């Protein structure tokens, strides 16, 4: 069962990258991020939106092989579908294609998310469409190229629909930070900080530890999310040692 977490974009930022509220919620529009970089997962894209996306784009959910993160409530008319109808009447779901993720699992999670949104908003399966449906854009690219056929994805959604009421929400609201092991020079720590800040979209700090330096992240909500962050740091080979501390 997919875990769905909220990291909602503040209204002051949302008003800059949407058409405001009053989404009629007739369609679910499936996209792919087209971002294959290491670490470009749901958390990274959600933080990008939360911190102020430089692109004129917005979407309701990002899904990867571990979770779905909601950035906008369904009432917002996000800029994603490439047409007024798609934006004003669609709930936009972006599926991650980061090279360090599992595409097949991400699509399974997306199917479960679509099934839940269908149930919540009473949207019929025939109104689950590709981005291409509204704009002609080659999106979702991998699906359209046959990595997973659209017909198979729709079958996955139908199979997930029977269990949609069992979808679980993250319930650990405690705050945690991730600390790396130490680096011998401040420059080494700054190199890691640059990646975490600009590629992952995290809030991060450098702290002295005697004659050495370490990185401290901003807060994560929930131990599972903090652990995923720590794992991302190790997977990207930015630190051999990480520690999670409660706030």
C-alpha atoms as a PDB file:
ATOM      1  CA  UNK A   1       0.000   0.000   0.000  1.00  0.00           C
ATOM      2  CA  UNK A   2       1.365   3.404  -0.930  1.00  0.00           C
ATOM      3  CA  UNK A   3       2.218   5.946   1.755  1.00  0.00           C
ATOM      4  CA  UNK A   4       0.848   9.412   0.967  1.00  0.00           C
ATOM      5  CA  UNK A   5       2.449  12.405   2.645  1.00  0.00           C
ATOM      6  CA  UNK A   6       1.527  16.088   2.473  1.00  0.00           C
ATOM      7  CA  UNK A   7       4.006  18.908   1.965  1.00  0.00           C
ATOM      8  CA  UNK A   8       1.597  21.581   0.819  1.00  0.00           C
ATOM      9  CA  UNK A   9       2.881  24.646  -1.003  1.00  0.00           C
ATOM     10  CA  UNK A  10       1.996  27.809   0.960  1.00  0.00           C
ATOM     11  CA  UNK A  11      -0.872  29.818  -0.532  1.00  0.00           C
ATOM     12  CA  UNK A  12       1.335  32.829  -1.237  1.00  0.00           C
ATOM     13  CA  UNK A  13       3.524  30.654  -3.479  1.00  0.00           C
ATOM     14  CA  UNK A  14       0.612  28.625  -4.879  1.00  0.00           C
ATOM     15  CA  UNK A  15      -1.042  31.766  -6.212  1.00  0.00           C
ATOM     16  CA  UNK A  16       2.064  32.456  -8.318  1.00  0.00           C
ATOM     17  CA  UNK A  17       2.081  29.090 -10.111  1.00  0.00           C
ATOM     18  CA  UNK A  18      -1.592  28.145 -10.477  1.00  0.00           C
ATOM     19  CA  UNK A  19      -4.845  29.594 -11.746  1.00  0.00           C
ATOM     20  CA  UNK A  20      -6.126  29.687  -8.176  1.00  0.00           C
ATOM     21  CA  UNK A  21      -8.775  27.402  -6.766  1.00  0.00           C
ATOM     22  CA  UNK A  22     -12.097  26.137  -8.252  1.00  0.00           C
ATOM     23  CA  UNK A  23     -10.713  23.034  -9.961  1.00  0.00           C
ATOM     24  CA  UNK A  24     -13.751  21.029 -11.126  1.00  0.00           C
ATOM     25  CA  UNK A  25     -11.810  17.750 -10.675  1.00  0.00           C
ATOM     26  CA  UNK A  26     -13.180  15.805 -13.639  1.00  0.00           C
ATOM     27  CA  UNK A  27      -9.903  14.197 -14.760  1.00  0.00           C
ATOM     28  CA  UNK A  28      -6.777  12.612 -13.354  1.00  0.00           C
ATOM     29  CA  UNK A  29      -3.807  13.492 -15.580  1.00  0.00           C
ATOM     30  CA  UNK A  30      -0.737  11.237 -15.472  1.00  0.00           C
ATOM     31  CA  UNK A  31       2.712  12.676 -16.231  1.00  0.00           C
ATOM     32  CA  UNK A  32       6.351  11.655 -15.861  1.00  0.00           C
ATOM     33  CA  UNK A  33       8.939  14.074 -14.491  1.00  0.00           C
ATOM     34  CA  UNK A  34      11.453  13.325 -17.289  1.00  0.00           C
ATOM     35  CA  UNK A  35      14.121  14.002 -14.639  1.00  0.00           C
ATOM     36  CA  UNK A  36      16.514  11.046 -14.550  1.00  0.00           C
ATOM     37  CA  UNK A  37      19.108  12.583 -12.205  1.00  0.00           C
ATOM     38  CA  UNK A  38      20.175  10.698  -9.085  1.00  0.00           C
ATOM     39  CA  UNK A  39      18.007  11.705  -6.144  1.00  0.00           C
ATOM     40  CA  UNK A  40      15.263  13.280  -8.285  1.00  0.00           C
ATOM     41  CA  UNK A  41      12.564  11.476  -6.319  1.00  0.00           C
ATOM     42  CA  UNK A  42       9.166  12.522  -4.950  1.00  0.00           C
ATOM     43  CA  UNK A  43      10.678  14.257  -1.939  1.00  0.00           C
ATOM     44  CA  UNK A  44      13.047  16.319  -4.105  1.00  0.00           C
ATOM     45  CA  UNK A  45      10.260  17.443  -6.448  1.00  0.00           C
ATOM     46  CA  UNK A  46       7.928  18.248  -3.556  1.00  0.00           C
ATOM     47  CA  UNK A  47      10.633  20.371  -1.947  1.00  0.00           C
ATOM     48  CA  UNK A  48      11.240  22.110  -5.271  1.00  0.00           C
ATOM     49  CA  UNK A  49       7.610  23.165  -5.386  1.00  0.00           C
ATOM     50  CA  UNK A  50       7.499  24.080  -1.698  1.00  0.00           C
ATOM     51  CA  UNK A  51      10.626  26.237  -1.919  1.00  0.00           C
ATOM     52  CA  UNK A  52       9.459  28.052  -5.060  1.00  0.00           C
ATOM     53  CA  UNK A  53       9.702  26.396  -8.454  1.00  0.00           C
ATOM     54  CA  UNK A  54      11.535  28.626 -10.928  1.00  0.00           C
ATOM     55  CA  UNK A  55       9.554  27.059 -13.800  1.00  0.00           C
ATOM     56  CA  UNK A  56       6.018  28.123 -14.663  1.00  0.00           C
ATOM     57  CA  UNK A  57       4.681  24.727 -13.664  1.00  0.00           C
ATOM     58  CA  UNK A  58       2.892  23.038 -10.780  1.00  0.00           C
ATOM     59  CA  UNK A  59       1.261  19.680 -10.031  1.00  0.00           C
ATOM     60  CA  UNK A  60      -0.695  18.085  -7.215  1.00  0.00           C
ATOM     61  CA  UNK A  61       1.305  14.921  -6.478  1.00  0.00           C
ATOM     62  CA  UNK A  62       4.739  13.471  -7.138  1.00  0.00           C
ATOM     63  CA  UNK A  63       5.127   9.686  -6.875  1.00  0.00           C
ATOM     64  CA  UNK A  64       8.226   7.514  -6.715  1.00  0.00           C
ATOM     65  CA  UNK A  65       9.020   3.934  -5.746  1.00  0.00           C
ATOM     66  CA  UNK A  66       8.637   4.697  -2.017  1.00  0.00           C
ATOM     67  CA  UNK A  67       5.832   7.224  -1.532  1.00  0.00           C
ATOM     68  CA  UNK A  68       3.578   9.921  -2.942  1.00  0.00           C
ATOM     69  CA  UNK A  69       3.930  13.527  -1.790  1.00  0.00           C
ATOM     70  CA  UNK A  70       1.022  15.939  -2.194  1.00  0.00           C
ATOM     71  CA  UNK A  71       1.974  19.552  -2.949  1.00  0.00           C
ATOM     72  CA  UNK A  72      -1.469  21.068  -3.641  1.00  0.00           C
ATOM     73  CA  UNK A  73      -4.980  20.327  -2.453  1.00  0.00           C
ATOM     74  CA  UNK A  74      -7.230  19.182  -5.289  1.00  0.00           C
ATOM     75  CA  UNK A  75      -9.045  22.535  -5.481  1.00  0.00           C
ATOM     76  CA  UNK A  76      -5.992  24.252  -6.961  1.00  0.00           C
ATOM     77  CA  UNK A  77      -5.842  24.557 -10.756  1.00  0.00           C
ATOM     78  CA  UNK A  78      -2.231  23.612 -11.379  1.00  0.00           C
ATOM     79  CA  UNK A  79      -0.182  24.405 -14.486  1.00  0.00           C
ATOM     80  CA  UNK A  80       0.706  20.990 -15.884  1.00  0.00           C
ATOM     81  CA  UNK A  81      -1.627  19.687 -18.583  1.00  0.00           C
ATOM     82  CA  UNK A  82      -0.860  22.189 -21.332  1.00  0.00           C
ATOM     83  CA  UNK A  83      -4.455  23.297 -21.924  1.00  0.00           C
ATOM     84  CA  UNK A  84      -7.085  25.275 -20.050  1.00  0.00           C
ATOM     85  CA  UNK A  85      -9.376  22.256 -19.820  1.00  0.00           C
ATOM     86  CA  UNK A  86      -6.649  19.996 -18.494  1.00  0.00           C
ATOM     87  CA  UNK A  87      -5.452  22.528 -15.942  1.00  0.00           C
ATOM     88  CA  UNK A  88      -8.889  23.663 -14.775  1.00  0.00           C
ATOM     89  CA  UNK A  89     -10.454  20.212 -14.608  1.00  0.00           C
ATOM     90  CA  UNK A  90      -7.533  17.899 -13.821  1.00  0.00           C
ATOM     91  CA  UNK A  91      -5.690  16.539 -10.812  1.00  0.00           C
ATOM     92  CA  UNK A  92      -2.065  16.298 -11.921  1.00  0.00           C
ATOM     93  CA  UNK A  93       0.152  13.338 -10.926  1.00  0.00           C
ATOM     94  CA  UNK A  94       3.869  13.288 -11.789  1.00  0.00           C
ATOM     95  CA  UNK A  95       5.678   9.924 -11.687  1.00  0.00           C
ATOM     96  CA  UNK A  96       9.425  10.003 -10.996  1.00  0.00           C
ATOM     97  CA  UNK A  97      11.910   8.444 -13.422  1.00  0.00           C
ATOM     98  CA  UNK A  98      15.118   9.090 -11.432  1.00  0.00           C
ATOM     99  CA  UNK A  99      17.866   6.659 -12.422  1.00  0.00           C
ATOM    100  CA  UNK A 100      18.344   5.445  -8.843  1.00  0.00           C
ATOM    101  CA  UNK A 101      14.656   4.581  -8.481  1.00  0.00           C
ATOM    102  CA  UNK A 102      12.542   1.577  -9.453  1.00  0.00           C
ATOM    103  CA  UNK A 103      10.308   2.660 -12.339  1.00  0.00           C
ATOM    104  CA  UNK A 104       8.036  -0.390 -12.159  1.00  0.00           C
ATOM    105  CA  UNK A 105       7.401   0.161  -8.435  1.00  0.00           C
ATOM    106  CA  UNK A 106       6.845   3.873  -9.003  1.00  0.00           C
ATOM    107  CA  UNK A 107       4.164   3.036 -11.558  1.00  0.00           C
ATOM    108  CA  UNK A 108       2.526   0.579  -9.171  1.00  0.00           C
ATOM    109  CA  UNK A 109       2.448   3.301  -6.527  1.00  0.00           C
ATOM    110  CA  UNK A 110       1.026   5.721  -9.095  1.00  0.00           C
ATOM    111  CA  UNK A 111      -1.740   3.249  -9.909  1.00  0.00           C
ATOM    112  CA  UNK A 112      -2.632   2.973  -6.218  1.00  0.00           C
ATOM    113  CA  UNK A 113      -2.642   6.755  -5.878  1.00  0.00           C
ATOM    114  CA  UNK A 114      -4.849   7.159  -8.948  1.00  0.00           C
ATOM    115  CA  UNK A 115      -7.264   4.583  -7.519  1.00  0.00           C
ATOM    116  CA  UNK A 116      -7.486   6.494  -4.245  1.00  0.00           C
ATOM    117  CA  UNK A 117      -8.038   9.865  -5.946  1.00  0.00           C
ATOM    118  CA  UNK A 118     -10.689   8.299  -8.184  1.00  0.00           C
ATOM    119  CA  UNK A 119     -12.542   7.102  -5.095  1.00  0.00           C
ATOM    120  CA  UNK A 120     -12.121  10.365  -3.174  1.00  0.00           C
ATOM    121  CA  UNK A 121     -13.316  12.550  -6.069  1.00  0.00           C
ATOM    122  CA  UNK A 122     -15.718  10.118  -7.773  1.00  0.00           C
ATOM    123  CA  UNK A 123     -13.746  10.261 -11.040  1.00  0.00           C
ATOM    124  CA  UNK A 124     -14.460   7.430 -13.517  1.00  0.00           C
ATOM    125  CA  UNK A 125     -11.664   5.311 -14.966  1.00  0.00           C
ATOM    126  CA  UNK A 126     -12.304   6.670 -18.481  1.00  0.00           C
ATOM    127  CA  UNK A 127     -11.275  10.100 -17.182  1.00  0.00           C
ATOM    128  CA  UNK A 128      -7.811   8.893 -16.181  1.00  0.00           C
ATOM    129  CA  UNK A 129      -5.716  10.237 -19.051  1.00  0.00           C
ATOM    130  CA  UNK A 130      -2.179  10.958 -20.144  1.00  0.00           C
ATOM    131  CA  UNK A 131      -0.734  14.471 -20.340  1.00  0.00           C
ATOM    132  CA  UNK A 132      -0.654  13.830 -24.097  1.00  0.00           C
ATOM    133  CA  UNK A 133      -4.471  13.735 -24.105  1.00  0.00           C
ATOM    134  CA  UNK A 134      -4.696  17.490 -23.541  1.00  0.00           C
ATOM    135  CA  UNK A 135      -1.581  18.941 -25.181  1.00  0.00           C
ATOM    136  CA  UNK A 136      -0.152  16.336 -27.562  1.00  0.00           C
ATOM    137  CA  UNK A 137       3.112  16.363 -25.600  1.00  0.00           C
ATOM    138  CA  UNK A 138       5.034  13.079 -25.535  1.00  0.00           C
ATOM    139  CA  UNK A 139       4.265  12.570 -21.849  1.00  0.00           C
ATOM    140  CA  UNK A 140       4.388  10.252 -19.960  1.00  0.00           C
ATOM    141  CA  UNK A 141       7.346   9.471 -22.214  1.00  0.00           C
ATOM    142  CA  UNK A 142       8.457   6.071 -20.900  1.00  0.00           C
ATOM    143  CA  UNK A 143       4.927   4.749 -20.791  1.00  0.00           C
ATOM    144  CA  UNK A 144       4.239   5.967 -24.307  1.00  0.00           C
ATOM    145  CA  UNK A 145       7.428   4.237 -25.464  1.00  0.00           C
ATOM    146  CA  UNK A 146       6.160   0.958 -24.034  1.00  0.00           C
ATOM    147  CA  UNK A 147       8.123   0.612 -20.798  1.00  0.00           C
ATOM    148  CA  UNK A 148       4.710   0.014 -19.255  1.00  0.00           C
ATOM    149  CA  UNK A 149       1.795   0.014 -21.677  1.00  0.00           C
ATOM    150  CA  UNK A 150      -1.007   2.442 -20.883  1.00  0.00           C
ATOM    151  CA  UNK A 151      -3.508  -0.420 -21.051  1.00  0.00           C
ATOM    152  CA  UNK A 152      -1.494  -2.295 -18.422  1.00  0.00           C
ATOM    153  CA  UNK A 153      -1.364   0.786 -16.216  1.00  0.00           C
ATOM    154  CA  UNK A 154      -5.145   1.158 -16.403  1.00  0.00           C
ATOM    155  CA  UNK A 155      -5.468  -2.506 -15.412  1.00  0.00           C
ATOM    156  CA  UNK A 156      -3.171  -1.797 -12.454  1.00  0.00           C
ATOM    157  CA  UNK A 157      -5.451   1.079 -11.439  1.00  0.00           C
ATOM    158  CA  UNK A 158      -8.527  -1.143 -11.662  1.00  0.00           C
ATOM    159  CA  UNK A 159      -6.837  -3.823  -9.559  1.00  0.00           C
ATOM    160  CA  UNK A 160      -5.840  -1.233  -6.958  1.00  0.00           C
ATOM    161  CA  UNK A 161      -9.317   0.294  -6.792  1.00  0.00           C
ATOM    162  CA  UNK A 162     -10.687  -2.475  -4.618  1.00  0.00           C
ATOM    163  CA  UNK A 163      -8.118  -1.697  -1.944  1.00  0.00           C
ATOM    164  CA  UNK A 164      -8.159   2.094  -2.229  1.00  0.00           C
ATOM    165  CA  UNK A 165      -9.866   2.533   1.120  1.00  0.00           C
ATOM    166  CA  UNK A 166      -6.890   0.847   2.757  1.00  0.00           C
ATOM    167  CA  UNK A 167      -4.354   3.441   1.620  1.00  0.00           C
ATOM    168  CA  UNK A 168      -2.295   4.537   4.614  1.00  0.00           C
ATOM    169  CA  UNK A 169      -1.253   8.030   5.556  1.00  0.00           C
ATOM    170  CA  UNK A 170       1.937   8.884   7.392  1.00  0.00           C
ATOM    171  CA  UNK A 171       1.021   9.384  11.058  1.00  0.00           C
ATOM    172  CA  UNK A 172       4.403  10.137  12.643  1.00  0.00           C
ATOM    173  CA  UNK A 173       4.361  13.924  12.991  1.00  0.00           C
ATOM    174  CA  UNK A 174       7.551  14.148  15.034  1.00  0.00           C
ATOM    175  CA  UNK A 175      10.423  16.212  13.619  1.00  0.00           C
ATOM    176  CA  UNK A 176      13.857  14.782  12.851  1.00  0.00           C
ATOM    177  CA  UNK A 177      17.133  15.972  11.365  1.00  0.00           C
ATOM    178  CA  UNK A 178      19.861  14.015   9.588  1.00  0.00           C
ATOM    179  CA  UNK A 179      23.505  14.574  10.555  1.00  0.00           C
ATOM    180  CA  UNK A 180      26.341  13.363   8.371  1.00  0.00           C
ATOM    181  CA  UNK A 181      29.679  12.116   9.580  1.00  0.00           C
ATOM    182  CA  UNK A 182      32.513  14.618   9.597  1.00  0.00           C
ATOM    183  CA  UNK A 183      34.531  16.042   6.699  1.00  0.00           C
ATOM    184  CA  UNK A 184      38.185  16.999   7.000  1.00  0.00           C
ATOM    185  CA  UNK A 185      37.780  20.437   5.388  1.00  0.00           C
ATOM    186  CA  UNK A 186      35.054  23.025   5.206  1.00  0.00           C
ATOM    187  CA  UNK A 187      35.295  22.916   1.395  1.00  0.00           C
ATOM    188  CA  UNK A 188      34.435  19.204   1.405  1.00  0.00           C
ATOM    189  CA  UNK A 189      31.394  19.937   3.541  1.00  0.00           C
ATOM    190  CA  UNK A 190      30.391  22.815   1.253  1.00  0.00           C
ATOM    191  CA  UNK A 191      30.564  20.506  -1.772  1.00  0.00           C
ATOM    192  CA  UNK A 192      28.092  18.148  -0.124  1.00  0.00           C
ATOM    193  CA  UNK A 193      25.902  21.035   1.010  1.00  0.00           C
ATOM    194  CA  UNK A 194      25.729  22.307  -2.567  1.00  0.00           C
ATOM    195  CA  UNK A 195      24.378  18.958  -3.806  1.00  0.00           C
ATOM    196  CA  UNK A 196      21.839  18.605  -0.990  1.00  0.00           C
ATOM    197  CA  UNK A 197      20.646  22.171  -1.398  1.00  0.00           C
ATOM    198  CA  UNK A 198      20.471  22.493  -5.169  1.00  0.00           C
ATOM    199  CA  UNK A 199      19.881  18.936  -6.402  1.00  0.00           C
ATOM    200  CA  UNK A 200      17.749  17.619  -3.545  1.00  0.00           C
ATOM    201  CA  UNK A 201      16.146  20.962  -2.645  1.00  0.00           C
ATOM    202  CA  UNK A 202      16.825  20.525   1.068  1.00  0.00           C
ATOM    203  CA  UNK A 203      17.464  23.069   3.795  1.00  0.00           C
ATOM    204  CA  UNK A 204      20.969  22.240   5.065  1.00  0.00           C
ATOM    205  CA  UNK A 205      23.619  23.726   7.352  1.00  0.00           C
ATOM    206  CA  UNK A 206      27.334  23.282   7.987  1.00  0.00           C
ATOM    207  CA  UNK A 207      28.361  22.788  11.614  1.00  0.00           C
ATOM    208  CA  UNK A 208      31.886  22.658  13.092  1.00  0.00           C
ATOM    209  CA  UNK A 209      32.850  19.537  15.020  1.00  0.00           C
ATOM    210  CA  UNK A 210      36.212  20.218  16.589  1.00  0.00           C
ATOM    211  CA  UNK A 211      38.660  20.676  13.722  1.00  0.00           C
ATOM    212  CA  UNK A 212      36.250  19.033  11.274  1.00  0.00           C
ATOM    213  CA  UNK A 213      32.859  19.800   9.732  1.00  0.00           C
ATOM    214  CA  UNK A 214      29.524  18.034   9.294  1.00  0.00           C
ATOM    215  CA  UNK A 215      26.210  18.681   7.526  1.00  0.00           C
ATOM    216  CA  UNK A 216      22.892  19.045   9.370  1.00  0.00           C
ATOM    217  CA  UNK A 217      19.621  18.986   7.438  1.00  0.00           C
ATOM    218  CA  UNK A 218      16.446  20.889   8.094  1.00  0.00           C
ATOM    219  CA  UNK A 219      13.624  18.972   9.737  1.00  0.00           C
ATOM    220  CA  UNK A 220      11.837  15.970   8.278  1.00  0.00           C
ATOM    221  CA  UNK A 221       8.359  15.028   9.483  1.00  0.00           C
ATOM    222  CA  UNK A 222       8.289  11.373  10.490  1.00  0.00           C
ATOM    223  CA  UNK A 223      11.057   8.852  11.091  1.00  0.00           C
ATOM    224  CA  UNK A 224      10.360   7.047   7.804  1.00  0.00           C
ATOM    225  CA  UNK A 225      10.912  10.258   5.840  1.00  0.00           C
ATOM    226  CA  UNK A 226      14.071  11.077   7.788  1.00  0.00           C
ATOM    227  CA  UNK A 227      15.393   7.562   7.196  1.00  0.00           C
ATOM    228  CA  UNK A 228      14.681   7.905   3.487  1.00  0.00           C
ATOM    229  CA  UNK A 229      16.647  11.164   3.519  1.00  0.00           C
ATOM    230  CA  UNK A 230      19.571   9.501   5.250  1.00  0.00           C
ATOM    231  CA  UNK A 231      19.486   6.692   2.705  1.00  0.00           C
ATOM    232  CA  UNK A 232      19.516   9.209  -0.156  1.00  0.00           C
ATOM    233  CA  UNK A 233      22.682  10.768   1.213  1.00  0.00           C
ATOM    234  CA  UNK A 234      24.386   7.372   1.383  1.00  0.00           C
ATOM    235  CA  UNK A 235      23.120   6.254  -2.028  1.00  0.00           C
ATOM    236  CA  UNK A 236      24.512   9.414  -3.593  1.00  0.00           C
ATOM    237  CA  UNK A 237      27.825   8.649  -1.799  1.00  0.00           C
ATOM    238  CA  UNK A 238      27.811  12.029  -0.077  1.00  0.00           C
ATOM    239  CA  UNK A 239      28.526  10.527   3.339  1.00  0.00           C
ATOM    240  CA  UNK A 240      29.441   7.102   4.660  1.00  0.00           C
ATOM    241  CA  UNK A 241      27.858   7.766   8.055  1.00  0.00           C
ATOM    242  CA  UNK A 242      24.512   9.404   8.873  1.00  0.00           C
ATOM    243  CA  UNK A 243      22.659   9.846  12.134  1.00  0.00           C
ATOM    244  CA  UNK A 244      19.031  10.813  12.746  1.00  0.00           C
ATOM    245  CA  UNK A 245      18.260  13.033  15.721  1.00  0.00           C
ATOM    246  CA  UNK A 246      14.874  14.059  17.111  1.00  0.00           C
ATOM    247  CA  UNK A 247      13.999  17.708  17.537  1.00  0.00           C
END
